[in-house]
Amino acid sequence: MFRRRKPEDDFAAAVYKRVGEQARSAELFEACGIPDTLDGRFDALALHAALMIDRLRREPDGEVLAQAFFDAMFKHLDLTLREIGIQDLGVGRRIKIMAEGLHGRALAYRAALGDDGPTPLAEVLRRNAYGGRSPEDPQQVARLEAHVREYARSLSATTRNDLIK
């Protein structure tokens, strides 16, 4: 309540807001086939957040920024769970599951986007971005893969201050 705000908190909150908007893009749910459900929306958010966290870590103060982003994200998710009626005792458990899910997805996406990733990105997306179900249309996975590659490329080319524009 009386905690001083750190300078990176405002930046991280602005970046999180932008990532949240991108993760709610209609294209992801319509053209790419991510289920428009609570789980599907988390999958889309986790995908974009994982890529943003990797981008933030490239800054000189990257670990601090990445942690501030993570904190802003989970503060928002905590509030959202409470708003949809999850009981106080269940929120912490769900947040823990979501944090573990984000961590696992981030590792899988990072490896798949690397030059010598053990698993192709399309397969990682099938397992992590569709709530455990592969879309019926394989073109949806191909469109999502193209979206992810373009988003990662765009993040790499974006300066720190432009991440919030």
N, C-alpha and C. Protein backbone atom coordinates (compact mmCIF):
# COMPACT_ATOMS: atom_id res chain seq x y z
N MET A 1 0.81 -1.18 0.00
CA MET A 1 0.00 0.00 0.00
C MET A 1 0.87 1.26 0.00
N PHE A 2 1.87 1.31 0.86
CA PHE A 2 2.74 2.48 0.92
C PHE A 2 4.09 2.22 0.26
N ARG A 3 4.13 1.18 -0.53
CA ARG A 3 5.36 0.81 -1.22
C ARG A 3 5.66 1.84 -2.31
N ARG A 4 6.91 2.22 -2.42
CA ARG A 4 7.30 3.15 -3.47
C ARG A 4 7.29 2.43 -4.81
N ARG A 5 6.78 3.13 -5.80
CA ARG A 5 6.80 2.56 -7.14
C ARG A 5 8.20 2.68 -7.71
N LYS A 6 8.63 1.62 -8.30
CA LYS A 6 9.93 1.63 -8.96
C LYS A 6 9.72 2.13 -10.39
N PRO A 7 10.72 2.76 -10.97
CA PRO A 7 10.55 3.30 -12.32
C PRO A 7 10.18 2.22 -13.34
N GLU A 8 10.70 1.02 -13.16
CA GLU A 8 10.41 -0.04 -14.13
C GLU A 8 8.97 -0.55 -14.04
N ASP A 9 8.30 -0.29 -12.92
CA ASP A 9 6.92 -0.76 -12.76
C ASP A 9 5.98 -0.11 -13.77
N ASP A 10 6.10 1.19 -13.97
CA ASP A 10 5.23 1.88 -14.93
C ASP A 10 5.50 1.40 -16.36
N PHE A 11 6.78 1.25 -16.69
CA PHE A 11 7.15 0.76 -18.01
C PHE A 11 6.60 -0.66 -18.22
N ALA A 12 6.81 -1.52 -17.23
CA ALA A 12 6.35 -2.91 -17.33
C ALA A 12 4.83 -2.98 -17.45
N ALA A 13 4.11 -2.15 -16.72
CA ALA A 13 2.65 -2.14 -16.81
C ALA A 13 2.20 -1.71 -18.19
N ALA A 14 2.88 -0.72 -18.79
CA ALA A 14 2.54 -0.28 -20.14
C ALA A 14 2.83 -1.37 -21.17
N VAL A 15 3.96 -2.05 -20.99
CA VAL A 15 4.31 -3.15 -21.91
C VAL A 15 3.29 -4.27 -21.75
N TYR A 16 2.92 -4.60 -20.52
CA TYR A 16 1.93 -5.65 -20.31
C TYR A 16 0.60 -5.30 -20.95
N LYS A 17 0.18 -4.05 -20.83
CA LYS A 17 -1.07 -3.63 -21.47
C LYS A 17 -1.02 -3.86 -22.97
N ARG A 18 0.10 -3.52 -23.57
CA ARG A 18 0.26 -3.71 -25.02
C ARG A 18 0.25 -5.19 -25.38
N VAL A 19 0.94 -6.00 -24.60
CA VAL A 19 0.97 -7.45 -24.86
C VAL A 19 -0.43 -8.03 -24.71
N GLY A 20 -1.16 -7.59 -23.70
CA GLY A 20 -2.53 -8.07 -23.51
C GLY A 20 -3.41 -7.75 -24.70
N GLU A 21 -3.25 -6.57 -25.26
CA GLU A 21 -4.02 -6.19 -26.45
C GLU A 21 -3.66 -7.09 -27.63
N GLN A 22 -2.38 -7.34 -27.82
CA GLN A 22 -1.94 -8.19 -28.92
C GLN A 22 -2.44 -9.63 -28.74
N ALA A 23 -2.47 -10.09 -27.51
CA ALA A 23 -2.91 -11.46 -27.24
C ALA A 23 -4.42 -11.62 -27.42
N ARG A 24 -5.15 -10.53 -27.48
CA ARG A 24 -6.60 -10.60 -27.70
C ARG A 24 -6.98 -10.33 -29.15
N SER A 25 -6.02 -10.28 -30.03
CA SER A 25 -6.27 -10.03 -31.45
C SER A 25 -7.24 -11.08 -32.01
N ALA A 26 -8.24 -10.62 -32.69
CA ALA A 26 -9.24 -11.54 -33.27
C ALA A 26 -8.59 -12.54 -34.21
N GLU A 27 -7.52 -12.15 -34.87
CA GLU A 27 -6.82 -13.04 -35.80
C GLU A 27 -6.39 -14.34 -35.12
N LEU A 28 -5.94 -14.25 -33.89
CA LEU A 28 -5.47 -15.43 -33.17
C LEU A 28 -6.59 -16.45 -32.98
N PHE A 29 -7.78 -15.98 -32.74
CA PHE A 29 -8.90 -16.87 -32.45
C PHE A 29 -9.63 -17.28 -33.72
N GLU A 30 -9.73 -16.39 -34.69
CA GLU A 30 -10.46 -16.69 -35.92
C GLU A 30 -9.58 -17.41 -36.94
N ALA A 31 -8.49 -16.78 -37.35
CA ALA A 31 -7.65 -17.34 -38.41
C ALA A 31 -6.70 -18.43 -37.90
N CYS A 32 -6.24 -18.30 -36.66
CA CYS A 32 -5.26 -19.26 -36.14
C CYS A 32 -5.89 -20.38 -35.32
N GLY A 33 -7.15 -20.23 -34.95
CA GLY A 33 -7.87 -21.31 -34.30
C GLY A 33 -7.64 -21.51 -32.81
N ILE A 34 -7.03 -20.53 -32.13
CA ILE A 34 -6.92 -20.67 -30.68
C ILE A 34 -8.33 -20.60 -30.11
N PRO A 35 -8.72 -21.52 -29.25
CA PRO A 35 -10.09 -21.50 -28.71
C PRO A 35 -10.37 -20.20 -27.94
N ASP A 36 -11.51 -19.61 -28.20
CA ASP A 36 -11.89 -18.37 -27.51
C ASP A 36 -12.58 -18.75 -26.20
N THR A 37 -11.75 -19.28 -25.30
CA THR A 37 -12.19 -19.70 -23.97
C THR A 37 -11.23 -19.08 -22.96
N LEU A 38 -11.52 -19.24 -21.70
CA LEU A 38 -10.63 -18.73 -20.68
C LEU A 38 -9.22 -19.34 -20.83
N ASP A 39 -9.16 -20.65 -21.03
CA ASP A 39 -7.87 -21.31 -21.22
C ASP A 39 -7.18 -20.86 -22.51
N GLY A 40 -7.96 -20.74 -23.58
CA GLY A 40 -7.39 -20.29 -24.85
C GLY A 40 -6.84 -18.88 -24.76
N ARG A 41 -7.54 -18.03 -24.06
CA ARG A 41 -7.06 -16.65 -23.88
C ARG A 41 -5.78 -16.63 -23.06
N PHE A 42 -5.70 -17.49 -22.04
CA PHE A 42 -4.44 -17.58 -21.29
C PHE A 42 -3.32 -18.10 -22.18
N ASP A 43 -3.62 -19.10 -23.02
CA ASP A 43 -2.60 -19.63 -23.92
C ASP A 43 -2.06 -18.53 -24.84
N ALA A 44 -2.95 -17.70 -25.38
CA ALA A 44 -2.53 -16.60 -26.26
C ALA A 44 -1.71 -15.58 -25.48
N LEU A 45 -2.14 -15.27 -24.26
CA LEU A 45 -1.39 -14.33 -23.43
C LEU A 45 -0.02 -14.89 -23.06
N ALA A 46 0.02 -16.15 -22.68
CA ALA A 46 1.30 -16.77 -22.30
C ALA A 46 2.27 -16.78 -23.48
N LEU A 47 1.77 -17.04 -24.67
CA LEU A 47 2.61 -17.04 -25.86
C LEU A 47 3.25 -15.67 -26.06
N HIS A 48 2.44 -14.63 -26.05
CA HIS A 48 2.96 -13.28 -26.27
C HIS A 48 3.83 -12.81 -25.11
N ALA A 49 3.43 -13.16 -23.90
CA ALA A 49 4.21 -12.75 -22.72
C ALA A 49 5.59 -13.42 -22.73
N ALA A 50 5.65 -14.69 -23.09
CA ALA A 50 6.93 -15.39 -23.13
C ALA A 50 7.89 -14.72 -24.11
N LEU A 51 7.37 -14.35 -25.26
CA LEU A 51 8.21 -13.69 -26.26
C LEU A 51 8.65 -12.30 -25.77
N MET A 52 7.76 -11.59 -25.10
CA MET A 52 8.10 -10.27 -24.58
C MET A 52 9.14 -10.38 -23.46
N ILE A 53 8.98 -11.34 -22.59
CA ILE A 53 9.95 -11.52 -21.51
C ILE A 53 11.34 -11.78 -22.09
N ASP A 54 11.41 -12.61 -23.13
CA ASP A 54 12.70 -12.85 -23.78
C ASP A 54 13.27 -11.55 -24.35
N ARG A 55 12.39 -10.73 -24.93
CA ARG A 55 12.84 -9.45 -25.49
C ARG A 55 13.34 -8.52 -24.38
N LEU A 56 12.59 -8.42 -23.30
CA LEU A 56 12.98 -7.53 -22.21
C LEU A 56 14.31 -7.93 -21.60
N ARG A 57 14.58 -9.20 -21.56
CA ARG A 57 15.84 -9.69 -20.97
C ARG A 57 17.07 -9.24 -21.74
N ARG A 58 16.89 -8.79 -22.96
CA ARG A 58 18.03 -8.33 -23.77
C ARG A 58 18.47 -6.91 -23.41
N GLU A 59 17.68 -6.22 -22.60
CA GLU A 59 18.02 -4.87 -22.16
C GLU A 59 19.10 -4.94 -21.07
N PRO A 60 19.87 -3.86 -20.89
CA PRO A 60 20.89 -3.87 -19.82
C PRO A 60 20.31 -4.19 -18.45
N ASP A 61 19.10 -3.71 -18.17
CA ASP A 61 18.42 -4.01 -16.90
C ASP A 61 17.31 -5.03 -17.13
N GLY A 62 17.57 -5.93 -18.05
CA GLY A 62 16.55 -6.86 -18.52
C GLY A 62 15.92 -7.75 -17.47
N GLU A 63 16.71 -8.26 -16.55
CA GLU A 63 16.12 -9.14 -15.53
C GLU A 63 15.13 -8.38 -14.65
N VAL A 64 15.48 -7.14 -14.33
CA VAL A 64 14.58 -6.30 -13.52
C VAL A 64 13.30 -6.00 -14.30
N LEU A 65 13.44 -5.66 -15.59
CA LEU A 65 12.27 -5.38 -16.42
C LEU A 65 11.40 -6.62 -16.60
N ALA A 66 12.03 -7.74 -16.86
CA ALA A 66 11.28 -8.99 -17.05
C ALA A 66 10.50 -9.34 -15.78
N GLN A 67 11.12 -9.17 -14.62
CA GLN A 67 10.44 -9.46 -13.36
C GLN A 67 9.29 -8.48 -13.13
N ALA A 68 9.49 -7.21 -13.44
CA ALA A 68 8.42 -6.21 -13.29
C ALA A 68 7.25 -6.53 -14.23
N PHE A 69 7.56 -6.98 -15.44
CA PHE A 69 6.52 -7.38 -16.39
C PHE A 69 5.75 -8.58 -15.85
N PHE A 70 6.48 -9.58 -15.39
CA PHE A 70 5.86 -10.78 -14.82
C PHE A 70 4.95 -10.39 -13.65
N ASP A 71 5.43 -9.52 -12.77
CA ASP A 71 4.63 -9.08 -11.62
C ASP A 71 3.37 -8.35 -12.06
N ALA A 72 3.49 -7.47 -13.05
CA ALA A 72 2.32 -6.74 -13.56
C ALA A 72 1.31 -7.71 -14.16
N MET A 73 1.80 -8.69 -14.90
CA MET A 73 0.92 -9.67 -15.53
C MET A 73 0.15 -10.47 -14.48
N PHE A 74 0.86 -10.97 -13.48
CA PHE A 74 0.19 -11.83 -12.50
C PHE A 74 -0.65 -11.04 -11.51
N LYS A 75 -0.34 -9.79 -11.31
CA LYS A 75 -1.22 -8.93 -10.52
C LYS A 75 -2.55 -8.77 -11.25
N HIS A 76 -2.48 -8.57 -12.56
CA HIS A 76 -3.69 -8.44 -13.37
C HIS A 76 -4.47 -9.76 -13.41
N LEU A 77 -3.77 -10.87 -13.57
CA LEU A 77 -4.44 -12.17 -13.61
C LEU A 77 -5.11 -12.49 -12.27
N ASP A 78 -4.45 -12.15 -11.17
CA ASP A 78 -5.03 -12.34 -9.85
C ASP A 78 -6.35 -11.57 -9.74
N LEU A 79 -6.32 -10.31 -10.14
CA LEU A 79 -7.52 -9.47 -10.10
C LEU A 79 -8.62 -10.05 -11.00
N THR A 80 -8.23 -10.51 -12.17
CA THR A 80 -9.21 -11.08 -13.12
C THR A 80 -9.87 -12.32 -12.53
N LEU A 81 -9.09 -13.20 -11.93
CA LEU A 81 -9.66 -14.41 -11.32
C LEU A 81 -10.66 -14.04 -10.23
N ARG A 82 -10.32 -13.05 -9.43
CA ARG A 82 -11.23 -12.61 -8.37
C ARG A 82 -12.50 -12.02 -8.95
N GLU A 83 -12.36 -11.26 -10.06
CA GLU A 83 -13.53 -10.64 -10.69
C GLU A 83 -14.48 -11.67 -11.29
N ILE A 84 -13.94 -12.80 -11.75
CA ILE A 84 -14.83 -13.82 -12.33
C ILE A 84 -15.38 -14.77 -11.27
N GLY A 85 -15.05 -14.50 -10.01
CA GLY A 85 -15.70 -15.24 -8.93
C GLY A 85 -14.93 -16.37 -8.32
N ILE A 86 -13.65 -16.49 -8.61
CA ILE A 86 -12.84 -17.52 -7.97
C ILE A 86 -12.68 -17.13 -6.50
N GLN A 87 -12.89 -18.08 -5.61
CA GLN A 87 -12.77 -17.82 -4.18
C GLN A 87 -11.34 -17.49 -3.80
N ASP A 88 -11.17 -16.66 -2.78
CA ASP A 88 -9.85 -16.23 -2.35
C ASP A 88 -8.88 -17.39 -2.14
N LEU A 89 -9.34 -18.47 -1.55
CA LEU A 89 -8.46 -19.61 -1.28
C LEU A 89 -8.00 -20.29 -2.56
N GLY A 90 -8.79 -20.19 -3.62
CA GLY A 90 -8.43 -20.84 -4.88
C GLY A 90 -7.57 -20.00 -5.79
N VAL A 91 -7.51 -18.69 -5.55
CA VAL A 91 -6.77 -17.80 -6.43
C VAL A 91 -5.27 -18.11 -6.40
N GLY A 92 -4.70 -18.23 -5.23
CA GLY A 92 -3.27 -18.50 -5.12
C GLY A 92 -2.86 -19.77 -5.82
N ARG A 93 -3.65 -20.82 -5.65
CA ARG A 93 -3.35 -22.10 -6.30
C ARG A 93 -3.41 -21.95 -7.82
N ARG A 94 -4.42 -21.25 -8.31
CA ARG A 94 -4.54 -21.07 -9.77
C ARG A 94 -3.42 -20.20 -10.32
N ILE A 95 -3.04 -19.17 -9.57
CA ILE A 95 -1.94 -18.31 -10.01
C ILE A 95 -0.65 -19.13 -10.10
N LYS A 96 -0.44 -20.00 -9.13
CA LYS A 96 0.75 -20.84 -9.15
C LYS A 96 0.76 -21.75 -10.38
N ILE A 97 -0.37 -22.33 -10.70
CA ILE A 97 -0.49 -23.20 -11.88
C ILE A 97 -0.23 -22.38 -13.15
N MET A 98 -0.78 -21.17 -13.20
CA MET A 98 -0.59 -20.32 -14.37
C MET A 98 0.87 -19.91 -14.52
N ALA A 99 1.53 -19.58 -13.41
CA ALA A 99 2.94 -19.19 -13.47
C ALA A 99 3.80 -20.36 -13.95
N GLU A 100 3.51 -21.54 -13.45
CA GLU A 100 4.25 -22.73 -13.91
C GLU A 100 3.98 -22.99 -15.39
N GLY A 101 2.74 -22.79 -15.81
CA GLY A 101 2.40 -22.96 -17.22
C GLY A 101 3.13 -21.96 -18.11
N LEU A 102 3.21 -20.73 -17.66
CA LEU A 102 3.93 -19.72 -18.43
C LEU A 102 5.40 -20.10 -18.53
N HIS A 103 5.98 -20.53 -17.42
CA HIS A 103 7.40 -20.89 -17.42
C HIS A 103 7.67 -22.04 -18.40
N GLY A 104 6.86 -23.07 -18.34
CA GLY A 104 7.06 -24.21 -19.23
C GLY A 104 6.89 -23.83 -20.69
N ARG A 105 5.88 -23.04 -20.98
CA ARG A 105 5.66 -22.59 -22.36
C ARG A 105 6.83 -21.71 -22.83
N ALA A 106 7.28 -20.82 -21.97
CA ALA A 106 8.38 -19.93 -22.35
C ALA A 106 9.62 -20.73 -22.73
N LEU A 107 9.94 -21.75 -21.95
CA LEU A 107 11.09 -22.59 -22.27
C LEU A 107 10.91 -23.31 -23.60
N ALA A 108 9.71 -23.83 -23.83
CA ALA A 108 9.43 -24.55 -25.08
C ALA A 108 9.49 -23.61 -26.28
N TYR A 109 8.89 -22.42 -26.16
CA TYR A 109 8.91 -21.47 -27.28
C TYR A 109 10.34 -21.00 -27.57
N ARG A 110 11.10 -20.72 -26.52
CA ARG A 110 12.48 -20.26 -26.69
C ARG A 110 13.30 -21.32 -27.43
N ALA A 111 13.16 -22.56 -27.02
CA ALA A 111 13.91 -23.64 -27.67
C ALA A 111 13.48 -23.82 -29.12
N ALA A 112 12.17 -23.75 -29.38
CA ALA A 112 11.67 -23.96 -30.74
C ALA A 112 12.06 -22.82 -31.68
N LEU A 113 12.19 -21.62 -31.14
CA LEU A 113 12.57 -20.48 -31.98
C LEU A 113 14.08 -20.38 -32.17
N GLY A 114 14.84 -21.14 -31.38
CA GLY A 114 16.29 -21.15 -31.52
C GLY A 114 16.70 -21.85 -32.80
N ASP A 115 17.94 -21.66 -33.16
CA ASP A 115 18.45 -22.24 -34.41
C ASP A 115 18.46 -23.76 -34.40
N ASP A 116 18.68 -24.35 -33.25
CA ASP A 116 18.79 -25.81 -33.18
C ASP A 116 17.81 -26.39 -32.18
N GLY A 117 16.59 -25.85 -32.19
CA GLY A 117 15.58 -26.34 -31.26
C GLY A 117 15.25 -27.79 -31.52
N PRO A 118 15.06 -28.58 -30.46
CA PRO A 118 14.80 -30.01 -30.62
C PRO A 118 13.41 -30.31 -31.19
N THR A 119 12.47 -29.39 -31.01
CA THR A 119 11.10 -29.61 -31.47
C THR A 119 10.70 -28.45 -32.38
N PRO A 120 10.12 -28.76 -33.55
CA PRO A 120 9.68 -27.69 -34.45
C PRO A 120 8.64 -26.78 -33.77
N LEU A 121 8.66 -25.51 -34.13
CA LEU A 121 7.75 -24.54 -33.53
C LEU A 121 6.29 -24.96 -33.72
N ALA A 122 5.94 -25.46 -34.88
CA ALA A 122 4.55 -25.86 -35.13
C ALA A 122 4.09 -26.90 -34.10
N GLU A 123 4.95 -27.85 -33.78
CA GLU A 123 4.60 -28.88 -32.80
C GLU A 123 4.47 -28.28 -31.40
N VAL A 124 5.37 -27.38 -31.04
CA VAL A 124 5.29 -26.72 -29.73
C VAL A 124 4.00 -25.92 -29.63
N LEU A 125 3.62 -25.25 -30.70
CA LEU A 125 2.36 -24.49 -30.70
C LEU A 125 1.16 -25.42 -30.57
N ARG A 126 1.18 -26.54 -31.28
CA ARG A 126 0.07 -27.50 -31.18
C ARG A 126 -0.13 -27.95 -29.73
N ARG A 127 0.97 -28.16 -29.02
CA ARG A 127 0.90 -28.65 -27.64
C ARG A 127 0.53 -27.57 -26.63
N ASN A 128 0.87 -26.31 -26.92
CA ASN A 128 0.77 -25.28 -25.90
C ASN A 128 -0.22 -24.15 -26.18
N ALA A 129 -0.62 -23.96 -27.40
CA ALA A 129 -1.45 -22.79 -27.73
C ALA A 129 -2.90 -23.15 -28.02
N TYR A 130 -3.24 -24.40 -27.92
CA TYR A 130 -4.60 -24.82 -28.30
C TYR A 130 -5.32 -25.57 -27.18
N GLY A 131 -4.94 -25.33 -25.97
CA GLY A 131 -5.63 -25.96 -24.85
C GLY A 131 -5.60 -27.47 -24.88
N GLY A 132 -4.54 -28.03 -25.42
CA GLY A 132 -4.41 -29.48 -25.46
C GLY A 132 -5.04 -30.14 -26.67
N ARG A 133 -5.75 -29.35 -27.48
CA ARG A 133 -6.38 -29.91 -28.69
C ARG A 133 -5.77 -29.27 -29.93
N SER A 134 -5.40 -30.07 -30.89
CA SER A 134 -4.91 -29.52 -32.15
C SER A 134 -6.10 -29.03 -32.96
N PRO A 135 -5.93 -27.92 -33.65
CA PRO A 135 -7.03 -27.47 -34.52
C PRO A 135 -7.22 -28.45 -35.67
N GLU A 136 -8.44 -28.53 -36.17
CA GLU A 136 -8.73 -29.44 -37.27
C GLU A 136 -8.03 -29.02 -38.55
N ASP A 137 -7.90 -27.73 -38.77
CA ASP A 137 -7.28 -27.22 -39.98
C ASP A 137 -5.79 -26.97 -39.75
N PRO A 138 -4.91 -27.75 -40.40
CA PRO A 138 -3.47 -27.56 -40.19
C PRO A 138 -2.98 -26.17 -40.62
N GLN A 139 -3.74 -25.52 -41.47
CA GLN A 139 -3.37 -24.16 -41.89
C GLN A 139 -3.45 -23.18 -40.73
N GLN A 140 -4.29 -23.47 -39.75
CA GLN A 140 -4.37 -22.59 -38.59
C GLN A 140 -3.06 -22.60 -37.81
N VAL A 141 -2.47 -23.76 -37.67
CA VAL A 141 -1.18 -23.85 -36.98
C VAL A 141 -0.11 -23.13 -37.79
N ALA A 142 -0.14 -23.28 -39.10
CA ALA A 142 0.82 -22.60 -39.97
C ALA A 142 0.67 -21.08 -39.85
N ARG A 143 -0.58 -20.61 -39.78
CA ARG A 143 -0.80 -19.16 -39.63
C ARG A 143 -0.30 -18.68 -38.27
N LEU A 144 -0.54 -19.48 -37.21
CA LEU A 144 -0.06 -19.09 -35.89
C LEU A 144 1.47 -19.09 -35.87
N GLU A 145 2.08 -20.08 -36.49
CA GLU A 145 3.54 -20.12 -36.54
C GLU A 145 4.08 -18.88 -37.24
N ALA A 146 3.47 -18.49 -38.36
CA ALA A 146 3.90 -17.29 -39.07
C ALA A 146 3.73 -16.05 -38.19
N HIS A 147 2.61 -15.99 -37.47
CA HIS A 147 2.36 -14.87 -36.56
C HIS A 147 3.44 -14.80 -35.48
N VAL A 148 3.77 -15.93 -34.89
CA VAL A 148 4.76 -15.98 -33.81
C VAL A 148 6.13 -15.57 -34.33
N ARG A 149 6.52 -16.07 -35.47
CA ARG A 149 7.82 -15.72 -36.02
C ARG A 149 7.90 -14.22 -36.34
N GLU A 150 6.82 -13.67 -36.90
CA GLU A 150 6.79 -12.25 -37.19
C GLU A 150 6.81 -11.41 -35.92
N TYR A 151 6.07 -11.83 -34.91
CA TYR A 151 6.04 -11.11 -33.64
C TYR A 151 7.42 -11.12 -32.99
N ALA A 152 8.07 -12.27 -32.98
CA ALA A 152 9.42 -12.38 -32.40
C ALA A 152 10.41 -11.51 -33.18
N ARG A 153 10.31 -11.53 -34.50
CA ARG A 153 11.19 -10.71 -35.33
C ARG A 153 10.94 -9.23 -35.05
N SER A 154 9.68 -8.86 -34.96
CA SER A 154 9.31 -7.47 -34.70
C SER A 154 9.83 -7.02 -33.33
N LEU A 155 9.69 -7.86 -32.33
CA LEU A 155 10.20 -7.51 -31.00
C LEU A 155 11.71 -7.30 -31.02
N SER A 156 12.41 -8.14 -31.75
CA SER A 156 13.87 -8.02 -31.82
C SER A 156 14.29 -6.70 -32.45
N ALA A 157 13.50 -6.22 -33.40
CA ALA A 157 13.84 -4.99 -34.12
C ALA A 157 13.31 -3.74 -33.43
N THR A 158 12.56 -3.90 -32.36
CA THR A 158 11.93 -2.76 -31.68
C THR A 158 12.81 -2.25 -30.54
N THR A 159 12.99 -0.93 -30.53
CA THR A 159 13.76 -0.35 -29.43
C THR A 159 12.94 -0.40 -28.15
N ARG A 160 13.62 -0.26 -27.05
CA ARG A 160 12.98 -0.32 -25.73
C ARG A 160 11.79 0.63 -25.62
N ASN A 161 11.99 1.89 -25.96
CA ASN A 161 10.91 2.87 -25.80
C ASN A 161 9.75 2.61 -26.75
N ASP A 162 10.02 1.98 -27.89
CA ASP A 162 8.95 1.69 -28.84
C ASP A 162 8.12 0.47 -28.44
N LEU A 163 8.55 -0.26 -27.43
CA LEU A 163 7.78 -1.41 -26.97
C LEU A 163 6.43 -0.98 -26.38
N ILE A 164 6.32 0.26 -25.97
CA ILE A 164 5.06 0.72 -25.37
C ILE A 164 4.25 1.60 -26.30
N LYS A 165 4.67 1.70 -27.54
CA LYS A 165 3.91 2.53 -28.52
C LYS A 165 2.93 1.69 -29.29
